[in-house]
């Protein structure tokens, strides 16, 4: 295997990850990569952007292996690494939050809904960043819009304080309005304004649900 990794990049990457994780260093992995690349004299790297992309993409597999060796479930690891992680010191808190979330009675339903929302958004050409509650016409979408609007500020405040377990648990009240939405509301209707607004609602909901990890 040494011939396949002549510069021992796997071992070096694991060393970086272990230092960041075990010492709980509050450093962004991308910033560290940028600092490392900046240390090379001009002209040594022909494609700095490509090198950065390759290097950043190299770390997740190493981190996944490290976490699985430490006893974390493969599905939990995949969920966290599919989400917006960048600080290694916070990954254990995200893993603990996912584990706590999966013990909630609402977890399976919300995870399934999250996957369904993700599939809808992928097929959409344009998903607005916001939605207008005045354009929510059906009772089920009005109920979801109201529940989400009430819940989101508190959930985001928990996220900002890195209280990831509490943030995911705060999503539990969305189960019933989300289930009702998909039972009673057609997203891809002919009316462009209604369709776009519903996509905006689902887009914001999806972003909030996946702040800690990809719960699908």
C-alpha atoms as a PDB file:
ATOM      1  CA  UNK A   1       0.000   0.000   0.000  1.00  0.00           C
ATOM      2  CA  UNK A   2       2.983   2.296   0.443  1.00  0.00           C
ATOM      3  CA  UNK A   3       3.395   2.531  -3.330  1.00  0.00           C
ATOM      4  CA  UNK A   4      -0.185   3.805  -3.622  1.00  0.00           C
ATOM      5  CA  UNK A   5       0.489   6.516  -1.018  1.00  0.00           C
ATOM      6  CA  UNK A   6       4.198   7.339  -1.401  1.00  0.00           C
ATOM      7  CA  UNK A   7       3.971  10.575   0.594  1.00  0.00           C
ATOM      8  CA  UNK A   8       1.974   9.039   3.472  1.00  0.00           C
ATOM      9  CA  UNK A   9      -0.839  11.508   2.914  1.00  0.00           C
ATOM     10  CA  UNK A  10      -3.359   9.317   4.747  1.00  0.00           C
ATOM     11  CA  UNK A  11      -1.237   9.221   7.873  1.00  0.00           C
ATOM     12  CA  UNK A  12      -0.553  12.961   7.732  1.00  0.00           C
ATOM     13  CA  UNK A  13      -4.265  13.737   7.235  1.00  0.00           C
ATOM     14  CA  UNK A  14      -5.168  11.527  10.199  1.00  0.00           C
ATOM     15  CA  UNK A  15      -2.582  13.357  12.290  1.00  0.00           C
ATOM     16  CA  UNK A  16      -4.134  16.715  11.415  1.00  0.00           C
ATOM     17  CA  UNK A  17      -7.625  15.431  12.174  1.00  0.00           C
ATOM     18  CA  UNK A  18      -6.625  13.878  15.493  1.00  0.00           C
ATOM     19  CA  UNK A  19      -4.941  17.083  16.656  1.00  0.00           C
ATOM     20  CA  UNK A  20      -7.971  19.170  15.769  1.00  0.00           C
ATOM     21  CA  UNK A  21     -10.392  16.721  17.377  1.00  0.00           C
ATOM     22  CA  UNK A  22      -8.524  15.548  20.483  1.00  0.00           C
ATOM     23  CA  UNK A  23      -7.325  19.034  21.419  1.00  0.00           C
ATOM     24  CA  UNK A  24     -10.713  20.552  20.505  1.00  0.00           C
ATOM     25  CA  UNK A  25      -9.027  23.265  18.439  1.00  0.00           C
ATOM     26  CA  UNK A  26     -11.616  25.785  17.133  1.00  0.00           C
ATOM     27  CA  UNK A  27     -10.121  25.993  13.647  1.00  0.00           C
ATOM     28  CA  UNK A  28     -11.771  25.771  10.231  1.00  0.00           C
ATOM     29  CA  UNK A  29     -10.266  23.019   8.088  1.00  0.00           C
ATOM     30  CA  UNK A  30     -10.577  25.129   4.935  1.00  0.00           C
ATOM     31  CA  UNK A  31      -8.676  28.012   6.556  1.00  0.00           C
ATOM     32  CA  UNK A  32      -5.865  25.654   7.525  1.00  0.00           C
ATOM     33  CA  UNK A  33      -5.629  24.350   3.971  1.00  0.00           C
ATOM     34  CA  UNK A  34      -5.488  27.923   2.644  1.00  0.00           C
ATOM     35  CA  UNK A  35      -2.665  28.778   5.063  1.00  0.00           C
ATOM     36  CA  UNK A  36      -0.762  25.666   4.040  1.00  0.00           C
ATOM     37  CA  UNK A  37      -1.083  26.439   0.338  1.00  0.00           C
ATOM     38  CA  UNK A  38      -0.045  30.055   0.912  1.00  0.00           C
ATOM     39  CA  UNK A  39       3.267  28.810   2.358  1.00  0.00           C
ATOM     40  CA  UNK A  40       4.382  27.483  -1.052  1.00  0.00           C
ATOM     41  CA  UNK A  41       6.565  29.843  -3.099  1.00  0.00           C
ATOM     42  CA  UNK A  42       4.912  31.353  -6.150  1.00  0.00           C
ATOM     43  CA  UNK A  43       4.978  29.041  -9.157  1.00  0.00           C
ATOM     44  CA  UNK A  44       5.530  25.797  -7.249  1.00  0.00           C
ATOM     45  CA  UNK A  45       1.860  24.828  -7.487  1.00  0.00           C
ATOM     46  CA  UNK A  46       0.574  25.074 -11.030  1.00  0.00           C
ATOM     47  CA  UNK A  47      -3.083  24.838  -9.983  1.00  0.00           C
ATOM     48  CA  UNK A  48      -3.659  26.183  -6.475  1.00  0.00           C
ATOM     49  CA  UNK A  49      -7.454  25.960  -6.794  1.00  0.00           C
ATOM     50  CA  UNK A  50      -7.304  22.352  -7.926  1.00  0.00           C
ATOM     51  CA  UNK A  51      -4.894  21.474  -5.154  1.00  0.00           C
ATOM     52  CA  UNK A  52      -7.213  23.038  -2.593  1.00  0.00           C
ATOM     53  CA  UNK A  53     -10.250  21.175  -3.933  1.00  0.00           C
ATOM     54  CA  UNK A  54      -8.397  17.851  -3.908  1.00  0.00           C
ATOM     55  CA  UNK A  55      -6.994  18.408  -0.430  1.00  0.00           C
ATOM     56  CA  UNK A  56     -10.320  19.422   1.141  1.00  0.00           C
ATOM     57  CA  UNK A  57     -11.999  16.416  -0.511  1.00  0.00           C
ATOM     58  CA  UNK A  58      -9.275  14.114   0.849  1.00  0.00           C
ATOM     59  CA  UNK A  59     -10.119  14.678   4.518  1.00  0.00           C
ATOM     60  CA  UNK A  60     -13.739  13.397   4.845  1.00  0.00           C
ATOM     61  CA  UNK A  61     -12.889   9.768   4.067  1.00  0.00           C
ATOM     62  CA  UNK A  62     -10.014   9.863   6.549  1.00  0.00           C
ATOM     63  CA  UNK A  63     -12.311  11.413   9.168  1.00  0.00           C
ATOM     64  CA  UNK A  64     -15.065   8.858   8.496  1.00  0.00           C
ATOM     65  CA  UNK A  65     -12.621   6.002   9.029  1.00  0.00           C
ATOM     66  CA  UNK A  66     -11.272   7.575  12.201  1.00  0.00           C
ATOM     67  CA  UNK A  67     -14.762   8.042  13.660  1.00  0.00           C
ATOM     68  CA  UNK A  68     -15.858   4.495  12.790  1.00  0.00           C
ATOM     69  CA  UNK A  69     -12.746   3.147  14.513  1.00  0.00           C
ATOM     70  CA  UNK A  70     -13.796   5.104  17.604  1.00  0.00           C
ATOM     71  CA  UNK A  71     -17.128   3.269  17.631  1.00  0.00           C
ATOM     72  CA  UNK A  72     -19.487   5.688  15.948  1.00  0.00           C
ATOM     73  CA  UNK A  73     -22.214   4.159  13.801  1.00  0.00           C
ATOM     74  CA  UNK A  74     -21.577   4.395  10.043  1.00  0.00           C
ATOM     75  CA  UNK A  75     -24.992   5.978   9.438  1.00  0.00           C
ATOM     76  CA  UNK A  76     -24.382   8.626  12.099  1.00  0.00           C
ATOM     77  CA  UNK A  77     -20.992   9.425  10.572  1.00  0.00           C
ATOM     78  CA  UNK A  78     -22.445   9.657   7.060  1.00  0.00           C
ATOM     79  CA  UNK A  79     -25.220  11.937   8.314  1.00  0.00           C
ATOM     80  CA  UNK A  80     -22.807  14.394   9.934  1.00  0.00           C
ATOM     81  CA  UNK A  81     -20.223  14.412   7.147  1.00  0.00           C
ATOM     82  CA  UNK A  82     -22.956  14.986   4.558  1.00  0.00           C
ATOM     83  CA  UNK A  83     -23.920  18.134   6.433  1.00  0.00           C
ATOM     84  CA  UNK A  84     -22.163  21.514   6.637  1.00  0.00           C
ATOM     85  CA  UNK A  85     -19.243  20.533   8.864  1.00  0.00           C
ATOM     86  CA  UNK A  86     -15.918  22.371   8.715  1.00  0.00           C
ATOM     87  CA  UNK A  87     -14.686  22.441  12.304  1.00  0.00           C
ATOM     88  CA  UNK A  88     -13.447  19.044  13.427  1.00  0.00           C
ATOM     89  CA  UNK A  89     -13.705  19.958  17.116  1.00  0.00           C
ATOM     90  CA  UNK A  90     -17.503  20.215  16.765  1.00  0.00           C
ATOM     91  CA  UNK A  91     -18.009  16.912  14.927  1.00  0.00           C
ATOM     92  CA  UNK A  92     -18.405  14.843  18.156  1.00  0.00           C
ATOM     93  CA  UNK A  93     -21.181  17.211  19.306  1.00  0.00           C
ATOM     94  CA  UNK A  94     -22.918  16.815  15.961  1.00  0.00           C
ATOM     95  CA  UNK A  95     -22.653  13.018  16.209  1.00  0.00           C
ATOM     96  CA  UNK A  96     -24.106  13.063  19.717  1.00  0.00           C
ATOM     97  CA  UNK A  97     -26.946  15.272  18.494  1.00  0.00           C
ATOM     98  CA  UNK A  98     -27.800  12.893  15.652  1.00  0.00           C
ATOM     99  CA  UNK A  99     -27.797   9.957  18.053  1.00  0.00           C
ATOM    100  CA  UNK A 100     -30.159  11.783  20.430  1.00  0.00           C
ATOM    101  CA  UNK A 101     -32.394  12.871  17.563  1.00  0.00           C
ATOM    102  CA  UNK A 102     -32.769   9.314  16.271  1.00  0.00           C
ATOM    103  CA  UNK A 103     -34.155   8.278  19.646  1.00  0.00           C
ATOM    104  CA  UNK A 104     -37.083  10.697  19.275  1.00  0.00           C
ATOM    105  CA  UNK A 105     -40.422   9.154  18.224  1.00  0.00           C
ATOM    106  CA  UNK A 106     -40.691  11.814  15.498  1.00  0.00           C
ATOM    107  CA  UNK A 107     -37.255  11.072  14.025  1.00  0.00           C
ATOM    108  CA  UNK A 108     -38.170   8.500  11.374  1.00  0.00           C
ATOM    109  CA  UNK A 109     -41.029  10.595  10.004  1.00  0.00           C
ATOM    110  CA  UNK A 110     -38.956  13.790   9.893  1.00  0.00           C
ATOM    111  CA  UNK A 111     -36.031  11.981   8.270  1.00  0.00           C
ATOM    112  CA  UNK A 112     -38.332  10.599   5.568  1.00  0.00           C
ATOM    113  CA  UNK A 113     -39.909  14.022   5.015  1.00  0.00           C
ATOM    114  CA  UNK A 114     -36.472  15.620   4.828  1.00  0.00           C
ATOM    115  CA  UNK A 115     -35.459  13.176   2.100  1.00  0.00           C
ATOM    116  CA  UNK A 116     -38.669  13.865   0.193  1.00  0.00           C
ATOM    117  CA  UNK A 117     -38.136  17.624   0.450  1.00  0.00           C
ATOM    118  CA  UNK A 118     -34.564  17.234  -0.776  1.00  0.00           C
ATOM    119  CA  UNK A 119     -35.736  15.296  -3.826  1.00  0.00           C
ATOM    120  CA  UNK A 120     -38.334  17.953  -4.654  1.00  0.00           C
ATOM    121  CA  UNK A 121     -35.780  20.760  -4.366  1.00  0.00           C
ATOM    122  CA  UNK A 122     -33.242  18.933  -6.560  1.00  0.00           C
ATOM    123  CA  UNK A 123     -35.781  18.758  -9.383  1.00  0.00           C
ATOM    124  CA  UNK A 124     -36.603  22.468  -9.152  1.00  0.00           C
ATOM    125  CA  UNK A 125     -34.879  25.041 -11.339  1.00  0.00           C
ATOM    126  CA  UNK A 126     -35.279  27.878  -8.863  1.00  0.00           C
ATOM    127  CA  UNK A 127     -35.783  27.760  -5.113  1.00  0.00           C
ATOM    128  CA  UNK A 128     -36.214  31.202  -3.518  1.00  0.00           C
ATOM    129  CA  UNK A 129     -34.387  31.997  -0.313  1.00  0.00           C
ATOM    130  CA  UNK A 130     -37.593  33.063   1.471  1.00  0.00           C
ATOM    131  CA  UNK A 131     -41.345  32.558   1.330  1.00  0.00           C
ATOM    132  CA  UNK A 132     -44.350  34.835   1.769  1.00  0.00           C
ATOM    133  CA  UNK A 133     -46.834  33.613   4.370  1.00  0.00           C
ATOM    134  CA  UNK A 134     -49.585  35.679   2.724  1.00  0.00           C
ATOM    135  CA  UNK A 135     -49.296  33.407  -0.334  1.00  0.00           C
ATOM    136  CA  UNK A 136     -49.847  30.221   1.648  1.00  0.00           C
ATOM    137  CA  UNK A 137     -53.390  29.372   0.608  1.00  0.00           C
ATOM    138  CA  UNK A 138     -54.106  25.822   1.774  1.00  0.00           C
ATOM    139  CA  UNK A 139     -54.784  25.261   5.503  1.00  0.00           C
ATOM    140  CA  UNK A 140     -52.044  22.630   5.679  1.00  0.00           C
ATOM    141  CA  UNK A 141     -49.376  24.920   4.214  1.00  0.00           C
ATOM    142  CA  UNK A 142     -50.548  27.779   6.417  1.00  0.00           C
ATOM    143  CA  UNK A 143     -50.156  25.519   9.455  1.00  0.00           C
ATOM    144  CA  UNK A 144     -46.647  24.473   8.394  1.00  0.00           C
ATOM    145  CA  UNK A 145     -45.639  28.053   7.638  1.00  0.00           C
ATOM    146  CA  UNK A 146     -46.880  29.198  11.039  1.00  0.00           C
ATOM    147  CA  UNK A 147     -45.180  26.330  12.904  1.00  0.00           C
ATOM    148  CA  UNK A 148     -41.890  26.851  11.094  1.00  0.00           C
ATOM    149  CA  UNK A 149     -41.930  30.633  11.560  1.00  0.00           C
ATOM    150  CA  UNK A 150     -42.496  30.176  15.291  1.00  0.00           C
ATOM    151  CA  UNK A 151     -39.872  27.468  15.695  1.00  0.00           C
ATOM    152  CA  UNK A 152     -37.025  28.698  13.473  1.00  0.00           C
ATOM    153  CA  UNK A 153     -35.626  31.605  15.564  1.00  0.00           C
ATOM    154  CA  UNK A 154     -35.248  29.437  18.653  1.00  0.00           C
ATOM    155  CA  UNK A 155     -33.718  26.603  16.651  1.00  0.00           C
ATOM    156  CA  UNK A 156     -31.202  28.929  14.996  1.00  0.00           C
ATOM    157  CA  UNK A 157     -30.296  30.437  18.364  1.00  0.00           C
ATOM    158  CA  UNK A 158     -29.538  26.953  19.697  1.00  0.00           C
ATOM    159  CA  UNK A 159     -27.423  26.242  16.626  1.00  0.00           C
ATOM    160  CA  UNK A 160     -25.467  29.483  17.084  1.00  0.00           C
ATOM    161  CA  UNK A 161     -24.617  28.355  20.635  1.00  0.00           C
ATOM    162  CA  UNK A 162     -23.513  24.929  19.290  1.00  0.00           C
ATOM    163  CA  UNK A 163     -26.331  23.269  21.246  1.00  0.00           C
ATOM    164  CA  UNK A 164     -26.835  20.799  18.444  1.00  0.00           C
ATOM    165  CA  UNK A 165     -28.804  18.128  20.291  1.00  0.00           C
ATOM    166  CA  UNK A 166     -31.315  20.696  21.556  1.00  0.00           C
ATOM    167  CA  UNK A 167     -31.545  22.223  18.077  1.00  0.00           C
ATOM    168  CA  UNK A 168     -32.475  18.903  16.454  1.00  0.00           C
ATOM    169  CA  UNK A 169     -34.917  18.082  19.238  1.00  0.00           C
ATOM    170  CA  UNK A 170     -36.574  21.464  18.681  1.00  0.00           C
ATOM    171  CA  UNK A 171     -37.625  20.201  15.250  1.00  0.00           C
ATOM    172  CA  UNK A 172     -39.883  17.501  16.717  1.00  0.00           C
ATOM    173  CA  UNK A 173     -43.069  19.667  16.735  1.00  0.00           C
ATOM    174  CA  UNK A 174     -42.791  19.964  12.951  1.00  0.00           C
ATOM    175  CA  UNK A 175     -43.708  16.305  12.441  1.00  0.00           C
ATOM    176  CA  UNK A 176     -47.480  16.745  12.344  1.00  0.00           C
ATOM    177  CA  UNK A 177     -47.592  19.900  10.158  1.00  0.00           C
ATOM    178  CA  UNK A 178     -45.013  18.422   7.753  1.00  0.00           C
ATOM    179  CA  UNK A 179     -46.948  15.155   7.450  1.00  0.00           C
ATOM    180  CA  UNK A 180     -50.186  17.068   6.908  1.00  0.00           C
ATOM    181  CA  UNK A 181     -48.524  19.280   4.282  1.00  0.00           C
ATOM    182  CA  UNK A 182     -47.528  16.310   2.166  1.00  0.00           C
ATOM    183  CA  UNK A 183     -50.939  14.690   2.624  1.00  0.00           C
ATOM    184  CA  UNK A 184     -52.903  17.740   1.536  1.00  0.00           C
ATOM    185  CA  UNK A 185     -50.723  20.077  -0.557  1.00  0.00           C
ATOM    186  CA  UNK A 186     -49.472  19.719  -4.129  1.00  0.00           C
ATOM    187  CA  UNK A 187     -46.166  21.556  -4.497  1.00  0.00           C
ATOM    188  CA  UNK A 188     -45.767  21.577  -8.282  1.00  0.00           C
ATOM    189  CA  UNK A 189     -48.997  23.333  -9.222  1.00  0.00           C
ATOM    190  CA  UNK A 190     -49.494  25.284 -12.461  1.00  0.00           C
ATOM    191  CA  UNK A 191     -49.702  28.644 -10.666  1.00  0.00           C
ATOM    192  CA  UNK A 192     -46.046  29.775 -10.744  1.00  0.00           C
ATOM    193  CA  UNK A 193     -46.380  32.175  -7.813  1.00  0.00           C
ATOM    194  CA  UNK A 194     -47.893  29.509  -5.530  1.00  0.00           C
ATOM    195  CA  UNK A 195     -45.400  26.877  -6.693  1.00  0.00           C
ATOM    196  CA  UNK A 196     -42.395  29.133  -6.146  1.00  0.00           C
ATOM    197  CA  UNK A 197     -43.626  30.173  -2.709  1.00  0.00           C
ATOM    198  CA  UNK A 198     -44.139  26.557  -1.642  1.00  0.00           C
ATOM    199  CA  UNK A 199     -40.627  25.743  -2.824  1.00  0.00           C
ATOM    200  CA  UNK A 200     -39.366  28.682  -0.765  1.00  0.00           C
ATOM    201  CA  UNK A 201     -41.068  27.300   2.333  1.00  0.00           C
ATOM    202  CA  UNK A 202     -39.633  23.837   1.741  1.00  0.00           C
ATOM    203  CA  UNK A 203     -36.199  25.285   0.974  1.00  0.00           C
ATOM    204  CA  UNK A 204     -36.049  27.178   4.266  1.00  0.00           C
ATOM    205  CA  UNK A 205     -37.380  24.167   6.147  1.00  0.00           C
ATOM    206  CA  UNK A 206     -34.787  21.894   4.516  1.00  0.00           C
ATOM    207  CA  UNK A 207     -31.944  24.275   5.351  1.00  0.00           C
ATOM    208  CA  UNK A 208     -32.959  24.440   9.014  1.00  0.00           C
ATOM    209  CA  UNK A 209     -33.506  20.688   9.322  1.00  0.00           C
ATOM    210  CA  UNK A 210     -30.014  19.988   7.964  1.00  0.00           C
ATOM    211  CA  UNK A 211     -28.009  22.609   9.865  1.00  0.00           C
ATOM    212  CA  UNK A 212     -26.485  20.048  12.216  1.00  0.00           C
ATOM    213  CA  UNK A 213     -26.402  17.038   9.898  1.00  0.00           C
ATOM    214  CA  UNK A 214     -28.214  15.550   6.920  1.00  0.00           C
ATOM    215  CA  UNK A 215     -31.029  13.872   8.832  1.00  0.00           C
ATOM    216  CA  UNK A 216     -32.332  12.038   5.760  1.00  0.00           C
END
